[in-house]
Amino acid sequence: MTNERQRRVRYGEAFWRAHHEAWQLSDLNQREYCAAQGIPLKAFGNWRARFKAEPQPVAPKLLYRRAGLSHTLSHTLSHSPSHTLSHGAYPTTAVAPLIVLPGRAGHRRRFSQAQQQRILAEAEQPGTSLSEIARHYGVDRRMLCRWKQKLAQPAPRFVTVEIVEGQRDEAVP
């Protein structure tokens, strides 16, 4: 009886949905994941096709301003030179496209320590902002701050201490 119940639970949608999400977050291909989890490849493929056919929610769009028009719907375009669409909080110079492609959903990008130091050196140049550099490389500004703290901490230093018998300092009360 328990064996029959386990088989029904195993083939339930919640079981396969959980495995499908875990597989998407892993770096394994479908065959490797099924072998590692001990689940049938054919059944997993069938459920994967079913989940893929479901309508997917629209991914939220990043709303950050690039150069030029900030929000065109709230402004009417006038041809007078005195009216500009930028509000001064954001630079009007053109921002170069991303150098590093954004990571896949659910996967982390890894930057080597040399890459981190190079990006931070670029951010420390006069006239640049941390947010611009972060957008340029496709990372969050807080990540650059974290790298800065991590790389700025000095290595622990050890001091040689020699204990000599017979010499005592008088303690002050």
N, C-alpha and C. Protein backbone atom coordinates (compact mmCIF):
# COMPACT_ATOMS: atom_id res chain seq x y z
N MET A 1 0.81 -1.20 0.00
CA MET A 1 0.00 0.00 0.00
C MET A 1 0.85 1.26 0.00
N THR A 2 1.89 1.29 0.84
CA THR A 2 2.74 2.49 0.88
C THR A 2 3.53 2.64 -0.42
N ASN A 3 3.89 1.51 -1.05
CA ASN A 3 4.61 1.57 -2.31
C ASN A 3 3.73 2.19 -3.40
N GLU A 4 2.44 1.82 -3.43
CA GLU A 4 1.50 2.38 -4.40
C GLU A 4 1.32 3.88 -4.16
N ARG A 5 1.23 4.29 -2.91
CA ARG A 5 1.05 5.70 -2.56
C ARG A 5 2.29 6.51 -2.96
N GLN A 6 3.47 5.95 -2.72
CA GLN A 6 4.70 6.65 -3.11
C GLN A 6 4.77 6.85 -4.61
N ARG A 7 4.30 5.84 -5.37
CA ARG A 7 4.33 5.96 -6.82
C ARG A 7 3.36 7.05 -7.28
N ARG A 8 2.18 7.15 -6.66
CA ARG A 8 1.23 8.20 -7.03
C ARG A 8 1.78 9.59 -6.70
N VAL A 9 2.41 9.71 -5.53
CA VAL A 9 3.00 10.99 -5.15
C VAL A 9 4.13 11.34 -6.10
N ARG A 10 4.89 10.33 -6.49
CA ARG A 10 6.03 10.56 -7.36
C ARG A 10 5.61 11.12 -8.71
N TYR A 11 4.47 10.67 -9.19
CA TYR A 11 4.02 11.13 -10.49
C TYR A 11 3.05 12.30 -10.39
N GLY A 12 2.94 12.90 -9.23
CA GLY A 12 2.09 14.08 -9.08
C GLY A 12 2.76 15.31 -9.68
N GLU A 13 1.94 16.28 -10.04
CA GLU A 13 2.45 17.49 -10.69
C GLU A 13 3.40 18.28 -9.79
N ALA A 14 3.11 18.34 -8.50
CA ALA A 14 3.96 19.11 -7.58
C ALA A 14 5.37 18.52 -7.53
N PHE A 15 5.45 17.19 -7.54
CA PHE A 15 6.75 16.52 -7.52
C PHE A 15 7.57 16.90 -8.75
N TRP A 16 6.96 16.82 -9.93
CA TRP A 16 7.67 17.09 -11.17
C TRP A 16 7.95 18.58 -11.34
N ARG A 17 7.04 19.44 -10.87
CA ARG A 17 7.29 20.89 -10.96
C ARG A 17 8.49 21.27 -10.09
N ALA A 18 8.57 20.68 -8.90
CA ALA A 18 9.71 20.96 -8.02
C ALA A 18 11.02 20.50 -8.67
N HIS A 19 10.99 19.32 -9.29
CA HIS A 19 12.20 18.83 -9.97
C HIS A 19 12.53 19.69 -11.18
N HIS A 20 11.51 20.15 -11.89
CA HIS A 20 11.75 20.99 -13.07
C HIS A 20 12.42 22.30 -12.65
N GLU A 21 11.94 22.92 -11.59
CA GLU A 21 12.54 24.17 -11.11
C GLU A 21 13.95 23.94 -10.59
N ALA A 22 14.16 22.84 -9.88
CA ALA A 22 15.50 22.54 -9.38
C ALA A 22 16.46 22.28 -10.54
N TRP A 23 15.97 21.61 -11.60
CA TRP A 23 16.81 21.35 -12.77
C TRP A 23 17.19 22.66 -13.46
N GLN A 24 16.24 23.61 -13.55
CA GLN A 24 16.53 24.89 -14.19
C GLN A 24 17.59 25.67 -13.43
N LEU A 25 17.60 25.52 -12.11
CA LEU A 25 18.59 26.24 -11.31
C LEU A 25 19.95 25.55 -11.29
N SER A 26 19.98 24.28 -11.70
CA SER A 26 21.26 23.56 -11.69
C SER A 26 22.00 23.80 -12.99
N ASP A 27 23.26 23.41 -13.02
CA ASP A 27 24.07 23.53 -14.23
C ASP A 27 24.11 22.22 -15.01
N LEU A 28 23.26 21.26 -14.64
CA LEU A 28 23.27 19.95 -15.27
C LEU A 28 22.34 19.94 -16.47
N ASN A 29 22.64 19.04 -17.43
CA ASN A 29 21.67 18.86 -18.50
C ASN A 29 20.60 17.89 -18.01
N GLN A 30 19.59 17.66 -18.84
CA GLN A 30 18.44 16.88 -18.41
C GLN A 30 18.83 15.45 -18.04
N ARG A 31 19.66 14.83 -18.84
CA ARG A 31 20.05 13.44 -18.57
C ARG A 31 20.87 13.34 -17.28
N GLU A 32 21.81 14.26 -17.08
CA GLU A 32 22.64 14.24 -15.86
C GLU A 32 21.79 14.48 -14.62
N TYR A 33 20.83 15.39 -14.71
CA TYR A 33 19.98 15.68 -13.55
C TYR A 33 19.14 14.45 -13.18
N CYS A 34 18.54 13.81 -14.18
CA CYS A 34 17.71 12.63 -13.90
C CYS A 34 18.54 11.51 -13.30
N ALA A 35 19.76 11.31 -13.80
CA ALA A 35 20.62 10.27 -13.26
C ALA A 35 21.01 10.59 -11.81
N ALA A 36 21.29 11.86 -11.53
CA ALA A 36 21.69 12.25 -10.17
C ALA A 36 20.53 12.12 -9.19
N GLN A 37 19.31 12.38 -9.64
CA GLN A 37 18.15 12.34 -8.75
C GLN A 37 17.47 10.98 -8.73
N GLY A 38 17.83 10.12 -9.68
CA GLY A 38 17.23 8.78 -9.74
C GLY A 38 15.79 8.82 -10.23
N ILE A 39 15.49 9.69 -11.16
CA ILE A 39 14.14 9.77 -11.71
C ILE A 39 14.18 9.39 -13.18
N PRO A 40 13.07 8.88 -13.72
CA PRO A 40 13.07 8.45 -15.12
C PRO A 40 13.19 9.62 -16.08
N LEU A 41 14.08 9.49 -17.03
CA LEU A 41 14.33 10.54 -18.01
C LEU A 41 13.11 10.80 -18.88
N LYS A 42 12.44 9.75 -19.31
CA LYS A 42 11.28 9.89 -20.20
C LYS A 42 10.15 10.64 -19.49
N ALA A 43 9.85 10.27 -18.26
CA ALA A 43 8.78 10.94 -17.52
C ALA A 43 9.14 12.41 -17.28
N PHE A 44 10.40 12.66 -16.94
CA PHE A 44 10.83 14.04 -16.71
C PHE A 44 10.69 14.86 -17.99
N GLY A 45 11.06 14.28 -19.13
CA GLY A 45 10.93 14.97 -20.41
C GLY A 45 9.48 15.28 -20.75
N ASN A 46 8.58 14.33 -20.45
CA ASN A 46 7.15 14.57 -20.71
C ASN A 46 6.62 15.72 -19.86
N TRP A 47 6.98 15.73 -18.56
CA TRP A 47 6.52 16.81 -17.69
C TRP A 47 7.16 18.12 -18.08
N ARG A 48 8.41 18.08 -18.50
CA ARG A 48 9.10 19.30 -18.93
C ARG A 48 8.39 19.91 -20.14
N ALA A 49 7.98 19.05 -21.10
CA ALA A 49 7.25 19.54 -22.26
C ALA A 49 5.91 20.16 -21.85
N ARG A 50 5.25 19.56 -20.86
CA ARG A 50 3.98 20.09 -20.39
C ARG A 50 4.17 21.45 -19.74
N PHE A 51 5.23 21.59 -18.91
CA PHE A 51 5.48 22.87 -18.24
C PHE A 51 5.91 23.93 -19.25
N LYS A 52 6.63 23.51 -20.28
CA LYS A 52 7.10 24.46 -21.29
C LYS A 52 5.93 25.00 -22.11
N ALA A 53 4.89 24.19 -22.28
CA ALA A 53 3.73 24.60 -23.06
C ALA A 53 2.83 25.57 -22.30
N GLU A 54 2.99 25.65 -20.98
CA GLU A 54 2.17 26.57 -20.18
C GLU A 54 2.55 28.00 -20.52
N PRO A 55 1.58 28.92 -20.45
CA PRO A 55 1.94 30.33 -20.68
C PRO A 55 2.86 30.82 -19.58
N GLN A 56 3.96 31.43 -19.97
CA GLN A 56 4.95 31.92 -19.02
C GLN A 56 4.65 33.36 -18.64
N PRO A 57 4.84 33.74 -17.37
CA PRO A 57 4.62 35.15 -16.99
C PRO A 57 5.66 36.03 -17.66
N VAL A 58 5.24 37.22 -17.98
CA VAL A 58 6.13 38.18 -18.62
C VAL A 58 7.16 38.64 -17.60
N ALA A 59 8.41 38.59 -17.99
CA ALA A 59 9.49 39.02 -17.10
C ALA A 59 9.41 40.53 -16.89
N PRO A 60 9.60 40.99 -15.66
CA PRO A 60 9.55 42.44 -15.43
C PRO A 60 10.70 43.14 -16.15
N LYS A 61 10.39 44.29 -16.70
CA LYS A 61 11.40 45.04 -17.43
C LYS A 61 12.17 45.92 -16.47
N LEU A 62 13.45 46.08 -16.74
CA LEU A 62 14.27 46.98 -15.95
C LEU A 62 13.96 48.40 -16.38
N LEU A 63 13.66 49.24 -15.42
CA LEU A 63 13.34 50.62 -15.74
C LEU A 63 14.45 51.53 -15.22
N TYR A 64 15.47 51.68 -15.99
CA TYR A 64 16.50 52.65 -15.65
C TYR A 64 16.74 53.50 -16.88
N ARG A 65 17.12 54.70 -16.63
CA ARG A 65 17.22 55.67 -17.70
C ARG A 65 18.57 55.60 -18.37
N ARG A 66 18.52 55.60 -19.65
CA ARG A 66 19.74 55.75 -20.43
C ARG A 66 19.78 57.19 -20.90
N ALA A 67 20.63 57.49 -21.79
CA ALA A 67 20.77 58.87 -22.26
C ALA A 67 19.56 59.29 -23.07
N GLY A 68 19.36 60.58 -23.15
CA GLY A 68 18.29 61.10 -24.00
C GLY A 68 16.98 61.22 -23.29
N LEU A 69 15.92 60.72 -23.91
CA LEU A 69 14.58 60.88 -23.39
C LEU A 69 14.40 60.11 -22.10
N SER A 70 13.84 60.75 -21.09
CA SER A 70 13.66 60.06 -19.82
C SER A 70 12.30 59.39 -19.77
N HIS A 71 11.25 60.12 -19.99
CA HIS A 71 9.93 59.51 -20.08
C HIS A 71 9.10 60.35 -21.04
N THR A 72 8.93 59.81 -22.20
CA THR A 72 8.35 60.58 -23.30
C THR A 72 6.85 60.78 -23.14
N LEU A 73 6.19 59.95 -22.39
CA LEU A 73 4.74 60.08 -22.31
C LEU A 73 4.30 61.29 -21.49
N SER A 74 5.10 61.72 -20.56
CA SER A 74 4.70 62.84 -19.72
C SER A 74 5.13 64.18 -20.30
N HIS A 75 5.87 64.17 -21.39
CA HIS A 75 6.33 65.40 -22.01
C HIS A 75 5.80 65.49 -23.42
N THR A 76 5.54 66.69 -23.83
CA THR A 76 5.26 66.89 -25.24
C THR A 76 6.55 67.40 -25.86
N LEU A 77 6.84 66.92 -27.01
CA LEU A 77 8.07 67.32 -27.66
C LEU A 77 7.90 68.72 -28.24
N SER A 78 8.66 69.63 -27.74
CA SER A 78 8.63 70.98 -28.29
C SER A 78 9.95 71.21 -29.02
N HIS A 79 9.90 72.05 -29.97
CA HIS A 79 11.10 72.30 -30.77
C HIS A 79 11.93 73.45 -30.22
N SER A 80 11.54 73.96 -29.06
CA SER A 80 12.32 75.06 -28.50
C SER A 80 13.60 74.52 -27.89
N PRO A 81 14.71 75.20 -28.05
CA PRO A 81 15.98 74.70 -27.51
C PRO A 81 16.05 74.81 -25.99
N SER A 82 15.15 75.58 -25.39
CA SER A 82 15.22 75.74 -23.94
C SER A 82 14.64 74.54 -23.21
N HIS A 83 13.80 73.75 -23.88
CA HIS A 83 13.17 72.62 -23.22
C HIS A 83 13.95 71.35 -23.51
N THR A 84 14.45 70.73 -22.45
CA THR A 84 15.12 69.44 -22.60
C THR A 84 14.35 68.41 -21.81
N LEU A 85 14.47 67.18 -22.18
CA LEU A 85 13.71 66.13 -21.54
C LEU A 85 14.44 65.48 -20.38
N SER A 86 15.71 65.75 -20.21
CA SER A 86 16.41 65.17 -19.07
C SER A 86 16.21 66.09 -17.87
N HIS A 87 16.27 65.53 -16.71
CA HIS A 87 16.01 66.28 -15.49
C HIS A 87 17.25 66.59 -14.69
N GLY A 88 18.40 66.35 -15.22
CA GLY A 88 19.64 66.72 -14.54
C GLY A 88 20.16 65.67 -13.58
N ALA A 89 19.30 64.77 -13.12
CA ALA A 89 19.77 63.75 -12.19
C ALA A 89 20.54 62.66 -12.93
N TYR A 90 20.28 62.53 -14.21
CA TYR A 90 20.94 61.51 -14.99
C TYR A 90 21.73 62.19 -16.10
N PRO A 91 22.92 61.72 -16.37
CA PRO A 91 23.72 62.37 -17.41
C PRO A 91 23.10 62.18 -18.78
N THR A 92 23.34 63.12 -19.65
CA THR A 92 22.79 63.03 -21.00
C THR A 92 23.78 62.46 -21.98
N THR A 93 24.96 62.07 -21.51
CA THR A 93 25.94 61.47 -22.42
C THR A 93 25.51 60.04 -22.72
N ALA A 94 25.86 59.58 -23.86
CA ALA A 94 25.46 58.23 -24.27
C ALA A 94 26.20 57.19 -23.43
N VAL A 95 25.48 56.18 -23.00
CA VAL A 95 26.06 55.10 -22.21
C VAL A 95 26.37 53.96 -23.15
N ALA A 96 27.56 53.43 -23.05
CA ALA A 96 27.98 52.33 -23.92
C ALA A 96 27.13 51.10 -23.61
N PRO A 97 26.93 50.23 -24.58
CA PRO A 97 26.15 49.02 -24.34
C PRO A 97 26.86 48.11 -23.33
N LEU A 98 26.12 47.14 -22.82
CA LEU A 98 26.68 46.23 -21.83
C LEU A 98 27.86 45.46 -22.40
N ILE A 99 28.90 45.34 -21.59
CA ILE A 99 30.05 44.55 -21.98
C ILE A 99 29.81 43.08 -21.64
N VAL A 100 29.25 42.83 -20.47
CA VAL A 100 29.00 41.48 -20.00
C VAL A 100 27.52 41.20 -20.23
N LEU A 101 27.21 40.11 -20.89
CA LEU A 101 25.82 39.76 -21.13
C LEU A 101 25.15 39.42 -19.81
N PRO A 102 23.87 39.76 -19.65
CA PRO A 102 23.18 39.41 -18.41
C PRO A 102 23.12 37.90 -18.23
N GLY A 103 23.20 37.46 -16.99
CA GLY A 103 23.17 36.04 -16.70
C GLY A 103 21.81 35.45 -16.96
N ARG A 104 21.76 34.14 -17.14
CA ARG A 104 20.48 33.47 -17.33
C ARG A 104 19.72 33.51 -16.02
N ALA A 105 18.41 33.48 -16.11
CA ALA A 105 17.58 33.52 -14.91
C ALA A 105 17.92 32.32 -14.04
N GLY A 106 18.18 32.57 -12.77
CA GLY A 106 18.48 31.50 -11.83
C GLY A 106 19.94 31.08 -11.82
N HIS A 107 20.79 31.72 -12.62
CA HIS A 107 22.21 31.36 -12.66
C HIS A 107 23.02 32.59 -12.27
N ARG A 108 24.07 32.36 -11.54
CA ARG A 108 24.94 33.46 -11.13
C ARG A 108 26.12 33.57 -12.06
N ARG A 109 26.47 34.80 -12.38
CA ARG A 109 27.71 35.03 -13.11
C ARG A 109 28.83 35.11 -12.10
N ARG A 110 30.00 34.71 -12.49
CA ARG A 110 31.15 34.78 -11.59
C ARG A 110 32.20 35.67 -12.24
N PHE A 111 32.71 36.60 -11.45
CA PHE A 111 33.78 37.48 -11.90
C PHE A 111 35.03 37.11 -11.12
N SER A 112 36.14 36.98 -11.82
CA SER A 112 37.39 36.67 -11.13
C SER A 112 37.83 37.90 -10.34
N GLN A 113 38.77 37.70 -9.43
CA GLN A 113 39.26 38.81 -8.62
C GLN A 113 39.93 39.86 -9.50
N ALA A 114 40.60 39.43 -10.56
CA ALA A 114 41.23 40.37 -11.48
C ALA A 114 40.19 41.21 -12.20
N GLN A 115 39.09 40.57 -12.62
CA GLN A 115 38.02 41.31 -13.28
C GLN A 115 37.39 42.31 -12.31
N GLN A 116 37.19 41.88 -11.07
CA GLN A 116 36.61 42.77 -10.06
C GLN A 116 37.51 43.99 -9.85
N GLN A 117 38.82 43.77 -9.73
CA GLN A 117 39.75 44.87 -9.52
C GLN A 117 39.76 45.82 -10.71
N ARG A 118 39.68 45.27 -11.92
CA ARG A 118 39.67 46.10 -13.12
C ARG A 118 38.40 46.95 -13.19
N ILE A 119 37.26 46.37 -12.85
CA ILE A 119 36.00 47.12 -12.86
C ILE A 119 36.02 48.20 -11.79
N LEU A 120 36.54 47.87 -10.60
CA LEU A 120 36.61 48.87 -9.52
C LEU A 120 37.59 49.98 -9.86
N ALA A 121 38.70 49.64 -10.54
CA ALA A 121 39.65 50.68 -10.95
C ALA A 121 38.99 51.63 -11.95
N GLU A 122 38.17 51.10 -12.81
CA GLU A 122 37.45 51.94 -13.77
C GLU A 122 36.43 52.83 -13.05
N ALA A 123 35.82 52.30 -11.99
CA ALA A 123 34.83 53.08 -11.24
C ALA A 123 35.47 54.20 -10.42
N GLU A 124 36.75 54.06 -10.08
CA GLU A 124 37.43 55.08 -9.27
C GLU A 124 37.97 56.23 -10.10
N GLN A 125 37.85 56.14 -11.42
CA GLN A 125 38.32 57.23 -12.27
C GLN A 125 37.49 58.48 -12.00
N PRO A 126 38.10 59.67 -12.07
CA PRO A 126 37.33 60.89 -11.83
C PRO A 126 36.27 61.09 -12.91
N GLY A 127 35.09 61.54 -12.49
CA GLY A 127 34.01 61.81 -13.42
C GLY A 127 33.12 60.62 -13.73
N THR A 128 33.37 59.48 -13.09
CA THR A 128 32.51 58.32 -13.31
C THR A 128 31.71 58.05 -12.05
N SER A 129 30.54 57.48 -12.23
CA SER A 129 29.74 57.12 -11.06
C SER A 129 29.68 55.60 -10.96
N LEU A 130 29.51 55.12 -9.75
CA LEU A 130 29.46 53.70 -9.49
C LEU A 130 28.26 53.07 -10.20
N SER A 131 27.14 53.79 -10.23
CA SER A 131 25.93 53.26 -10.87
C SER A 131 26.12 53.10 -12.38
N GLU A 132 26.79 54.06 -13.01
CA GLU A 132 27.04 53.94 -14.45
C GLU A 132 27.89 52.72 -14.75
N ILE A 133 28.94 52.53 -13.99
CA ILE A 133 29.84 51.40 -14.21
C ILE A 133 29.09 50.09 -13.96
N ALA A 134 28.26 50.07 -12.92
CA ALA A 134 27.50 48.85 -12.61
C ALA A 134 26.55 48.52 -13.76
N ARG A 135 25.84 49.51 -14.30
CA ARG A 135 24.95 49.27 -15.43
C ARG A 135 25.75 48.83 -16.66
N HIS A 136 26.91 49.42 -16.83
CA HIS A 136 27.76 49.11 -17.98
C HIS A 136 28.15 47.63 -17.99
N TYR A 137 28.46 47.08 -16.82
CA TYR A 137 28.87 45.69 -16.73
C TYR A 137 27.73 44.74 -16.38
N GLY A 138 26.51 45.28 -16.22
CA GLY A 138 25.36 44.42 -15.97
C GLY A 138 25.31 43.84 -14.58
N VAL A 139 25.82 44.56 -13.59
CA VAL A 139 25.75 44.11 -12.20
C VAL A 139 25.06 45.19 -11.37
N ASP A 140 24.69 44.85 -10.17
CA ASP A 140 24.06 45.81 -9.27
C ASP A 140 25.12 46.68 -8.62
N ARG A 141 24.75 47.92 -8.31
CA ARG A 141 25.69 48.85 -7.69
C ARG A 141 26.15 48.34 -6.33
N ARG A 142 25.25 47.70 -5.60
CA ARG A 142 25.62 47.16 -4.29
C ARG A 142 26.70 46.09 -4.39
N MET A 143 26.69 45.36 -5.52
CA MET A 143 27.72 44.34 -5.72
C MET A 143 29.09 44.99 -5.84
N LEU A 144 29.17 46.12 -6.53
CA LEU A 144 30.45 46.83 -6.64
C LEU A 144 30.91 47.31 -5.26
N CYS A 145 29.97 47.80 -4.46
CA CYS A 145 30.33 48.24 -3.09
C CYS A 145 30.86 47.06 -2.28
N ARG A 146 30.23 45.90 -2.42
CA ARG A 146 30.68 44.72 -1.70
C ARG A 146 32.08 44.30 -2.14
N TRP A 147 32.32 44.34 -3.46
CA TRP A 147 33.65 44.02 -3.97
C TRP A 147 34.68 44.99 -3.42
N LYS A 148 34.32 46.25 -3.36
CA LYS A 148 35.23 47.29 -2.88
C LYS A 148 35.61 47.01 -1.42
N GLN A 149 34.63 46.64 -0.60
CA GLN A 149 34.92 46.33 0.80
C GLN A 149 35.79 45.09 0.91
N LYS A 150 35.47 44.07 0.12
CA LYS A 150 36.21 42.81 0.20
C LYS A 150 37.66 43.00 -0.24
N LEU A 151 37.88 43.74 -1.32
CA LEU A 151 39.23 43.90 -1.84
C LEU A 151 40.04 44.93 -1.07
N ALA A 152 39.37 45.81 -0.31
CA ALA A 152 40.08 46.85 0.42
C ALA A 152 40.57 46.38 1.78
N GLN A 153 40.07 45.26 2.29
CA GLN A 153 40.48 44.79 3.60
C GLN A 153 41.91 44.27 3.54
N PRO A 154 42.77 44.78 4.42
CA PRO A 154 44.16 44.31 4.41
C PRO A 154 44.26 42.89 4.96
N ALA A 155 45.27 42.19 4.53
CA ALA A 155 45.50 40.83 5.01
C ALA A 155 45.91 40.89 6.49
N PRO A 156 45.55 39.88 7.27
CA PRO A 156 45.94 39.90 8.68
C PRO A 156 47.46 39.84 8.81
N ARG A 157 47.98 40.56 9.78
CA ARG A 157 49.42 40.61 10.00
C ARG A 157 49.73 39.94 11.32
N PHE A 158 50.81 39.22 11.36
CA PHE A 158 51.24 38.55 12.56
C PHE A 158 52.49 39.23 13.09
N VAL A 159 52.53 39.36 14.40
CA VAL A 159 53.65 40.03 15.05
C VAL A 159 54.34 39.01 15.95
N THR A 160 55.66 39.03 15.95
CA THR A 160 56.42 38.14 16.81
C THR A 160 56.45 38.71 18.22
N VAL A 161 56.08 37.90 19.17
CA VAL A 161 56.06 38.33 20.57
C VAL A 161 57.07 37.47 21.32
N GLU A 162 57.91 38.13 22.10
CA GLU A 162 58.90 37.40 22.87
C GLU A 162 58.60 37.62 24.35
N ILE A 163 58.48 36.53 25.08
CA ILE A 163 58.19 36.61 26.51
C ILE A 163 59.50 36.36 27.25
N VAL A 164 59.89 37.34 28.07
CA VAL A 164 61.14 37.24 28.82
C VAL A 164 60.78 37.17 30.30
N GLU A 165 61.32 36.17 30.96
CA GLU A 165 61.04 36.02 32.39
C GLU A 165 61.88 36.99 33.19
N GLY A 166 61.34 37.42 34.30
CA GLY A 166 62.09 38.29 35.19
C GLY A 166 61.74 39.75 35.00
N GLN A 167 61.19 40.13 33.92
CA GLN A 167 60.81 41.54 33.72
C GLN A 167 59.30 41.65 33.87
N ARG A 168 58.90 42.57 34.74
CA ARG A 168 57.48 42.79 34.94
C ARG A 168 57.21 44.29 34.92
N ASP A 169 56.14 44.62 34.34
CA ASP A 169 55.70 46.02 34.37
C ASP A 169 54.81 46.21 35.57
N GLU A 170 54.94 47.36 36.18
CA GLU A 170 54.11 47.66 37.33
C GLU A 170 52.73 48.06 36.82
N ALA A 171 51.72 47.44 37.36
CA ALA A 171 50.34 47.76 36.96
C ALA A 171 49.90 49.03 37.66
N VAL A 172 49.24 49.89 36.91
CA VAL A 172 48.72 51.14 37.48
C VAL A 172 47.30 50.87 37.96
N PRO A 173 47.01 51.23 39.28
CA PRO A 173 45.65 50.93 39.78
C PRO A 173 44.60 51.79 39.16
